Amino acid sequence: MKYQTLYNIIFSDSRSFRWKRHFLFWLAVFVYHLVRIGIMYPPEKVWELRWSLLEVTFFWAMIINVLFSYSVVYLLVPKYFQKGKYSLFTAGFLLMIIICMSINAVHNVLLNQQFTNATGFSFQSFLLFIRPQIIRFFGNPPLVCGLLLSLKILKSWHLEQLKTETLAKENANAELQLLKAQVHPHFLFNTLNNIYSFSLNQSPQAGTLVRKLSGMLSYMINECEEKVVPLEKELRLIEDYMGLEKVRYGKRLDMQVEIHGDFENKFIAPLLMIPFVENSFKHGTSQMLQHPWIKLEITTVGNQLFFKLSNSKPSLLKISIQNNGIGLQNVKKRLQLLYPGKHQLDISSTEETFTVNMQLLLEEYTFAENKAIQMDKVFTYA
């Protein structure tokens, strides 16, 4: 809670936090000037001259700095500098220096009785007194103004980063919906044809195929809206998908599936692996006239998922299709958006083999973030 409050004070654009941010900034500037100016007073007379110290500190820390900093940061920079009107910005900057130095001169000459009593008011004495004031001015307000401008730039950059991340997440969700739409038609067409064929022959396998297909579609439509899903369900989706395709190809296809490891309480982005499997059938096995084969190995070691999929392919002519398929490109983008710095993906192709190697750092909790996934659902597959 304290961290969130501090974060809001620094970065929030809400008015209730904005005034707190400015108040704390100028309070720090005031305290800094109070200490810096107080050091120049004789130690034994600090308390005696406390009102003079406060007056000088308030003038330098607040009046001069506030006027100069806000004029530059909230007027000159957005109105001229950011629009490329550098000559007008320079003119305005110099004008603000002249205005602030004039106020400083009035403060030190007209209101400083000690100065006028000691030297009298003459042009020569004025130049003698104002010279250190000029030096002090250029070492003070520009520094505070630069600090205020830096904090404003930092806040704007951070808010822009948040907008970019939000947009990236929205794009990832949109790509997931597109990916689901791509998986369904091709797979449905082939599977329904298989079911129809078995139904004509009154094969008992038709009922099994319908059950598997129904479960898969229910999972993809209803449960894949979550940010993450149980890894067990994703693996069962892959097993059922490959099982349905195995029925289609029969003994003509050599299929090896090896899945090992501890999958309990581990979560993964939905439909992240199935495009690779679908691609191996669509552009690999289905194009082979003789001896098609697919080998899938999925292993978990701790929170690491190792995915390796190899399949036969007809010729080098198919490399561009397999590497540039829309489904694979979507998966690459989703990996970059959802697992930045937490994944490795290597897609390679030889004359006869297409291979995908993926390593992924999995999420692991009892309940998934945002929406709790009930444990009785984790171990069931519709």
Protein backbone atom coordinates (compact mmCIF):
# COMPACT_ATOMS: atom_id res chain seq x y z
CA MET A 1 0.00 0.00 0.00
CA LYS A 2 2.82 2.42 0.89
CA TYR A 3 4.63 1.56 -2.32
CA GLN A 4 1.47 2.21 -4.34
CA THR A 5 0.96 5.59 -2.65
CA LEU A 6 4.56 6.60 -3.38
CA TYR A 7 4.17 5.41 -6.97
CA ASN A 8 1.01 7.48 -7.43
CA ILE A 9 2.64 10.59 -5.97
CA ILE A 10 5.51 10.28 -8.45
CA PHE A 11 3.70 9.14 -11.60
CA SER A 12 -0.07 9.55 -11.27
CA ASP A 13 -1.80 12.15 -13.45
CA SER A 14 -4.65 12.46 -10.96
CA ARG A 15 -5.12 15.98 -9.60
CA SER A 16 -5.19 14.74 -5.99
CA PHE A 17 -1.67 13.32 -6.39
CA ARG A 18 -0.38 16.06 -8.69
CA TRP A 19 -0.54 18.80 -6.04
CA LYS A 20 1.14 16.51 -3.50
CA ARG A 21 3.96 15.86 -5.96
CA HIS A 22 4.52 19.60 -6.52
CA PHE A 23 4.20 20.40 -2.81
CA LEU A 24 6.86 17.83 -1.87
CA PHE A 25 9.16 19.02 -4.65
CA TRP A 26 9.05 22.66 -3.55
CA LEU A 27 9.28 21.71 0.11
CA ALA A 28 12.54 19.91 -0.70
CA VAL A 29 13.79 22.95 -2.65
CA PHE A 30 12.90 25.24 0.27
CA VAL A 31 14.68 23.06 2.85
CA TYR A 32 17.75 22.82 0.60
CA HIS A 33 17.96 26.63 0.27
CA LEU A 34 17.29 27.12 4.00
CA VAL A 35 20.29 24.95 4.85
CA ARG A 36 22.50 26.38 2.08
CA ILE A 37 21.78 30.02 2.95
CA GLY A 38 21.80 29.38 6.70
CA ILE A 39 25.37 28.09 6.50
CA MET A 40 26.45 31.54 5.31
CA TYR A 41 25.04 33.22 8.44
CA PRO A 42 27.23 33.53 11.58
CA PRO A 43 26.33 30.50 13.75
CA GLU A 44 25.83 32.61 16.86
CA LYS A 45 23.37 34.92 15.07
CA VAL A 46 21.26 32.39 13.15
CA TRP A 47 18.42 32.48 15.67
CA GLU A 48 18.58 36.25 15.95
CA LEU A 49 18.41 36.63 12.19
CA ARG A 50 15.91 33.79 11.67
CA TRP A 51 13.23 35.99 10.08
CA SER A 52 15.75 37.46 7.67
CA LEU A 53 16.92 33.93 6.85
CA LEU A 54 13.37 32.76 6.20
CA GLU A 55 12.61 35.81 4.07
CA VAL A 56 15.71 35.40 1.91
CA THR A 57 15.13 31.64 1.62
CA PHE A 58 11.48 32.09 0.65
CA PHE A 59 12.42 34.69 -1.94
CA TRP A 60 15.12 32.55 -3.59
CA ALA A 61 13.57 29.12 -3.13
CA MET A 62 9.99 30.00 -3.98
CA ILE A 63 9.40 33.32 -5.74
CA ILE A 64 12.33 33.27 -8.17
CA ASN A 65 12.45 29.50 -8.73
CA VAL A 66 8.70 28.97 -9.04
CA LEU A 67 8.29 31.85 -11.46
CA PHE A 68 11.25 30.85 -13.63
CA SER A 69 10.69 27.03 -13.54
CA TYR A 70 6.96 27.00 -14.24
CA SER A 71 7.31 29.59 -17.00
CA VAL A 72 9.95 27.51 -18.76
CA VAL A 73 8.58 23.99 -18.11
CA TYR A 74 4.86 24.59 -18.61
CA LEU A 75 4.87 27.51 -21.06
CA LEU A 76 8.04 27.90 -23.13
CA VAL A 77 8.90 24.20 -23.58
CA PRO A 78 5.47 22.92 -24.76
CA LYS A 79 4.51 26.07 -26.69
CA TYR A 80 7.79 26.71 -28.51
CA PHE A 81 10.56 24.14 -27.93
CA GLN A 82 8.48 21.00 -28.58
CA LYS A 83 7.06 22.59 -31.73
CA GLY A 84 10.49 23.38 -33.12
CA LYS A 85 10.23 27.17 -32.59
CA TYR A 86 13.70 27.41 -31.09
CA SER A 87 14.23 31.13 -31.73
CA LEU A 88 11.03 32.03 -29.89
CA PHE A 89 11.95 29.63 -27.09
CA THR A 90 15.39 31.27 -26.74
CA ALA A 91 13.85 34.74 -26.74
CA GLY A 92 11.31 33.72 -24.09
CA PHE A 93 14.03 32.06 -22.00
CA LEU A 94 16.17 35.20 -22.07
CA LEU A 95 13.12 37.34 -21.25
CA MET A 96 12.38 35.21 -18.18
CA ILE A 97 16.00 35.62 -17.06
CA ILE A 98 15.71 39.39 -17.39
CA ILE A 99 12.38 39.46 -15.50
CA CYS A 100 13.66 37.29 -12.65
CA MET A 101 16.92 39.22 -12.36
CA SER A 102 14.98 42.49 -12.27
CA ILE A 103 12.83 41.17 -9.42
CA ASN A 104 16.02 40.07 -7.70
CA ALA A 105 17.51 43.55 -8.13
CA VAL A 106 14.41 45.20 -6.68
CA HIS A 107 14.51 42.82 -3.72
CA ASN A 108 18.17 43.42 -2.98
CA VAL A 109 18.38 47.17 -3.66
CA LEU A 110 15.00 48.69 -2.77
CA LEU A 111 14.06 46.40 0.11
CA ASN A 112 17.51 45.82 1.63
CA GLN A 113 17.93 48.70 4.06
CA GLN A 114 21.38 47.59 5.17
CA PHE A 115 22.63 47.80 1.61
CA THR A 116 21.32 51.33 0.99
CA ASN A 117 22.56 52.60 4.38
CA ALA A 118 26.02 51.19 3.92
CA THR A 119 26.74 52.18 0.33
CA GLY A 120 24.13 54.71 -0.72
CA PHE A 121 22.33 54.20 -3.99
CA SER A 122 24.70 54.78 -6.88
CA PHE A 123 25.20 53.06 -10.21
CA GLN A 124 28.76 52.03 -9.28
CA SER A 125 27.73 50.51 -5.96
CA PHE A 126 24.79 48.82 -7.66
CA LEU A 127 27.14 47.10 -10.15
CA LEU A 128 29.45 46.06 -7.34
CA PHE A 129 26.58 44.48 -5.43
CA ILE A 130 24.68 42.95 -8.34
CA ARG A 131 27.64 41.05 -9.84
CA PRO A 132 27.56 38.14 -7.32
CA GLN A 133 23.77 38.15 -7.57
CA ILE A 134 24.03 37.47 -11.31
CA ILE A 135 26.47 34.62 -10.71
CA ARG A 136 24.20 33.22 -8.00
CA PHE A 137 21.16 33.49 -10.27
CA PHE A 138 22.66 31.47 -13.12
CA GLY A 139 23.70 28.76 -10.68
CA ASN A 140 20.30 28.45 -9.03
CA PRO A 141 17.00 28.82 -10.97
CA PRO A 142 18.29 27.01 -14.12
CA LEU A 143 19.37 24.08 -11.93
CA VAL A 144 15.99 23.82 -10.18
CA CYS A 145 14.20 24.28 -13.51
CA GLY A 146 16.27 21.48 -15.06
CA LEU A 147 15.43 19.18 -12.16
CA LEU A 148 11.69 19.93 -12.45
CA LEU A 149 11.82 19.40 -16.22
CA SER A 150 13.68 16.08 -15.77
CA LEU A 151 11.03 14.79 -13.36
CA LYS A 152 8.28 15.83 -15.76
CA ILE A 153 10.01 14.06 -18.67
CA LEU A 154 10.50 10.94 -16.53
CA LYS A 155 6.81 10.89 -15.60
CA SER A 156 5.71 11.41 -19.22
CA TRP A 157 8.07 8.66 -20.41
CA HIS A 158 6.77 6.24 -17.79
CA LEU A 159 3.12 6.94 -18.66
CA GLU A 160 3.92 6.47 -22.35
CA GLN A 161 5.55 3.13 -21.53
CA LEU A 162 2.38 2.06 -19.69
CA LYS A 163 0.30 2.98 -22.74
CA THR A 164 2.65 0.98 -24.98
CA GLU A 165 2.46 -2.06 -22.69
CA THR A 166 -1.33 -1.83 -22.56
CA LEU A 167 -1.52 -1.63 -26.34
CA ALA A 168 0.86 -4.60 -26.63
CA LYS A 169 -1.36 -6.68 -24.34
CA GLU A 170 -4.43 -5.72 -26.35
CA ASN A 171 -2.63 -6.72 -29.53
CA ALA A 172 -1.67 -10.03 -27.94
CA ASN A 173 -5.33 -10.71 -27.08
CA ALA A 174 -6.38 -9.79 -30.62
CA GLU A 175 -3.74 -12.12 -32.05
CA LEU A 176 -4.98 -14.90 -29.78
CA GLN A 177 -8.48 -14.51 -31.19
CA LEU A 178 -7.07 -14.55 -34.71
CA LEU A 179 -5.02 -17.62 -33.88
CA LYS A 180 -8.10 -19.43 -32.57
CA ALA A 181 -9.96 -18.56 -35.75
CA GLN A 182 -7.09 -19.97 -37.82
CA VAL A 183 -6.88 -23.23 -35.87
CA HIS A 184 -10.59 -24.01 -36.05
CA PRO A 185 -11.50 -24.13 -39.76
CA HIS A 186 -8.70 -26.37 -41.04
CA PHE A 187 -8.90 -28.74 -38.11
CA LEU A 188 -12.70 -28.85 -38.06
CA PHE A 189 -12.90 -29.63 -41.76
CA ASN A 190 -10.56 -32.63 -41.52
CA THR A 191 -12.00 -33.97 -38.27
CA LEU A 192 -15.63 -33.71 -39.37
CA ASN A 193 -14.76 -35.58 -42.56
CA ASN A 194 -13.19 -38.34 -40.46
CA ILE A 195 -16.24 -38.52 -38.19
CA TYR A 196 -18.54 -38.64 -41.21
CA SER A 197 -16.50 -41.48 -42.72
CA PHE A 198 -16.59 -43.52 -39.50
CA SER A 199 -20.29 -42.85 -39.10
CA LEU A 200 -21.03 -44.28 -42.55
CA ASN A 201 -19.18 -47.43 -41.56
CA GLN A 202 -20.92 -47.45 -38.13
CA SER A 203 -17.51 -47.56 -36.46
CA PRO A 204 -17.45 -47.23 -32.65
CA GLN A 205 -14.59 -44.77 -33.09
CA ALA A 206 -17.04 -42.13 -34.32
CA GLY A 207 -18.34 -41.53 -30.78
CA THR A 208 -14.81 -41.21 -29.39
CA LEU A 209 -13.93 -38.70 -32.09
CA VAL A 210 -17.05 -36.63 -31.37
CA ARG A 211 -16.27 -36.58 -27.65
CA LYS A 212 -12.66 -35.50 -28.20
CA LEU A 213 -13.67 -32.84 -30.71
CA SER A 214 -16.41 -31.51 -28.42
CA GLY A 215 -13.98 -31.24 -25.50
CA MET A 216 -11.38 -29.46 -27.59
CA LEU A 217 -13.83 -26.92 -28.98
CA SER A 218 -15.30 -26.26 -25.54
CA TYR A 219 -11.83 -25.64 -24.15
CA MET A 220 -10.73 -23.34 -27.01
CA ILE A 221 -13.94 -21.31 -27.01
CA ASN A 222 -14.73 -21.04 -23.29
CA GLU A 223 -11.49 -21.32 -21.33
CA CYS A 224 -8.86 -19.75 -23.57
CA GLU A 225 -10.05 -16.24 -22.73
CA GLU A 226 -7.90 -16.37 -19.60
CA LYS A 227 -4.45 -14.78 -19.49
CA VAL A 228 -2.97 -18.16 -18.55
CA VAL A 229 -4.41 -21.68 -18.44
CA PRO A 230 -3.32 -24.87 -16.67
CA LEU A 231 -0.47 -26.55 -18.52
CA GLU A 232 -2.19 -29.91 -18.09
CA LYS A 233 -5.13 -28.78 -20.20
CA GLU A 234 -2.89 -27.47 -22.95
CA LEU A 235 -1.05 -30.80 -23.06
CA ARG A 236 -4.31 -32.73 -23.17
CA LEU A 237 -5.48 -30.49 -26.01
CA ILE A 238 -2.33 -31.39 -27.95
CA GLU A 239 -2.74 -35.11 -27.19
CA ASP A 240 -6.36 -35.10 -28.37
CA TYR A 241 -5.49 -33.08 -31.46
CA MET A 242 -2.75 -35.51 -32.42
CA GLY A 243 -5.02 -38.43 -31.58
CA LEU A 244 -7.68 -37.17 -33.99
CA GLU A 245 -5.09 -36.64 -36.70
CA LYS A 246 -3.69 -40.12 -36.06
CA VAL A 247 -7.14 -41.54 -36.83
CA ARG A 248 -7.11 -39.64 -40.08
CA TYR A 249 -3.74 -40.99 -41.24
CA GLY A 250 -3.95 -44.44 -39.65
CA LYS A 251 -0.94 -46.73 -39.96
CA ARG A 252 0.50 -44.58 -42.73
CA LEU A 253 1.75 -42.09 -40.11
CA ASP A 254 4.59 -42.85 -37.68
CA MET A 255 3.77 -40.70 -34.63
CA GLN A 256 5.78 -40.55 -31.42
CA VAL A 257 4.65 -38.46 -28.47
CA GLU A 258 6.68 -38.24 -25.24
CA ILE A 259 5.49 -35.99 -22.40
CA HIS A 260 7.37 -36.00 -19.09
CA GLY A 261 7.62 -33.90 -15.96
CA ASP A 262 5.59 -32.32 -13.18
CA PHE A 263 2.74 -30.22 -14.59
CA GLU A 264 0.80 -29.52 -11.39
CA ASN A 265 0.09 -25.84 -10.62
CA LYS A 266 1.94 -24.68 -13.73
CA PHE A 267 0.32 -22.27 -16.18
CA ILE A 268 0.96 -21.18 -19.73
CA ALA A 269 -0.53 -18.72 -22.24
CA PRO A 270 -3.39 -20.52 -24.07
CA LEU A 271 -2.94 -22.04 -27.54
CA LEU A 272 0.77 -21.33 -27.56
CA MET A 273 2.00 -24.76 -28.67
CA ILE A 274 -0.89 -26.03 -30.80
CA PRO A 275 0.03 -23.92 -33.90
CA PHE A 276 3.37 -25.74 -34.14
CA VAL A 277 1.59 -29.09 -34.00
CA GLU A 278 -1.08 -27.99 -36.49
CA ASN A 279 1.66 -26.68 -38.79
CA SER A 280 3.50 -30.03 -38.72
CA PHE A 281 0.39 -31.78 -40.08
CA LYS A 282 -0.76 -29.07 -42.45
CA HIS A 283 2.55 -28.36 -44.19
CA GLY A 284 4.51 -31.50 -43.38
CA THR A 285 2.72 -34.80 -42.97
CA SER A 286 -0.18 -34.02 -45.29
CA GLN A 287 2.29 -33.28 -48.10
CA MET A 288 4.20 -36.56 -47.70
CA LEU A 289 3.17 -39.42 -49.94
CA GLN A 290 5.45 -42.00 -48.33
CA HIS A 291 6.58 -42.62 -44.75
CA PRO A 292 5.36 -39.45 -43.01
CA TRP A 293 6.48 -39.12 -39.40
CA ILE A 294 6.11 -36.75 -36.45
CA LYS A 295 7.99 -36.77 -33.16
CA LEU A 296 6.92 -34.57 -30.23
CA GLU A 297 8.81 -34.25 -26.94
CA ILE A 298 7.56 -32.05 -24.09
CA THR A 299 9.40 -32.00 -20.77
CA THR A 300 9.20 -29.80 -17.69
CA VAL A 301 12.15 -29.33 -15.35
CA GLY A 302 11.15 -27.09 -12.48
CA ASN A 303 9.52 -24.06 -14.10
CA GLN A 304 11.20 -24.65 -17.45
CA LEU A 305 9.23 -26.12 -20.34
CA PHE A 306 11.17 -27.80 -23.16
CA PHE A 307 9.22 -28.31 -26.37
CA LYS A 308 10.70 -30.12 -29.38
CA LEU A 309 8.69 -31.03 -32.45
CA SER A 310 10.13 -32.63 -35.57
CA ASN A 311 8.32 -33.77 -38.68
CA SER A 312 9.07 -35.00 -42.18
CA LYS A 313 8.56 -32.67 -45.11
CA PRO A 314 8.55 -33.23 -48.85
CA SER A 315 11.22 -30.83 -50.12
CA LEU A 316 13.07 -27.58 -49.71
CA LEU A 317 10.28 -25.90 -51.62
CA LYS A 318 8.15 -26.03 -48.47
CA ILE A 319 10.62 -24.20 -46.20
CA SER A 320 9.23 -20.75 -46.90
CA ILE A 321 5.69 -21.95 -46.20
CA GLN A 322 6.59 -23.46 -42.84
CA ASN A 323 8.73 -20.55 -41.66
CA ASN A 324 6.37 -17.80 -42.76
CA GLY A 325 2.96 -19.28 -42.02
CA ILE A 326 0.58 -16.81 -40.42
CA GLY A 327 0.05 -19.08 -37.43
CA LEU A 328 3.79 -19.37 -36.69
CA GLN A 329 4.32 -15.64 -37.08
CA ASN A 330 1.51 -15.02 -34.59
CA VAL A 331 3.09 -17.39 -32.09
CA LYS A 332 6.45 -15.62 -32.42
CA LYS A 333 4.78 -12.27 -31.75
CA ARG A 334 2.85 -13.62 -28.79
CA LEU A 335 6.05 -15.07 -27.32
CA GLN A 336 7.75 -11.69 -27.63
CA LEU A 337 4.81 -9.91 -26.01
CA LEU A 338 3.92 -12.38 -23.27
CA TYR A 339 7.33 -13.90 -22.45
CA PRO A 340 9.95 -11.19 -23.06
CA GLY A 341 13.31 -12.49 -21.93
CA LYS A 342 11.66 -15.71 -20.72
CA HIS A 343 11.72 -17.82 -23.87
CA GLN A 344 13.95 -19.21 -26.58
CA LEU A 345 12.62 -20.27 -29.97
CA ASP A 346 14.62 -21.96 -32.70
CA ILE A 347 12.97 -23.07 -35.96
CA SER A 348 15.19 -24.98 -38.34
CA SER A 349 14.70 -26.84 -41.60
CA THR A 350 16.74 -29.32 -43.60
CA GLU A 351 15.97 -31.01 -46.87
CA GLU A 352 13.81 -33.67 -45.20
CA THR A 353 13.05 -32.41 -41.68
CA PHE A 354 11.39 -29.44 -40.04
CA THR A 355 12.17 -28.87 -36.33
CA VAL A 356 10.88 -26.51 -33.65
CA ASN A 357 12.77 -26.11 -30.38
CA MET A 358 11.20 -23.92 -27.72
CA GLN A 359 12.19 -23.25 -24.13
CA LEU A 360 9.79 -21.36 -21.88
CA LEU A 361 9.74 -20.12 -18.28
CA LEU A 362 6.33 -21.14 -16.93
CA GLU A 363 4.10 -19.40 -14.41
CA GLU A 364 3.46 -21.35 -11.23
CA TYR A 365 0.76 -20.60 -8.68
CA THR A 366 -2.16 -22.22 -6.95
CA PHE A 367 -4.45 -19.68 -8.56
CA ALA A 368 -3.87 -17.79 -11.76
CA GLU A 369 -3.70 -14.01 -11.64
CA ASN A 370 -6.71 -11.79 -12.35
CA LYS A 371 -9.23 -14.67 -12.31
CA ALA A 372 -8.82 -17.56 -9.93
CA ILE A 373 -8.95 -20.95 -11.62
CA GLN A 374 -10.69 -23.43 -9.39
CA MET A 375 -8.61 -26.50 -8.68
CA ASP A 376 -11.36 -28.97 -9.61
CA LYS A 377 -11.20 -27.55 -13.13
CA VAL A 378 -7.44 -27.88 -13.37
CA PHE A 379 -7.58 -31.65 -13.46
CA THR A 380 -10.59 -32.07 -15.70
CA TYR A 381 -10.93 -31.75 -19.44
CA ALA A 382 -14.43 -31.42 -20.89
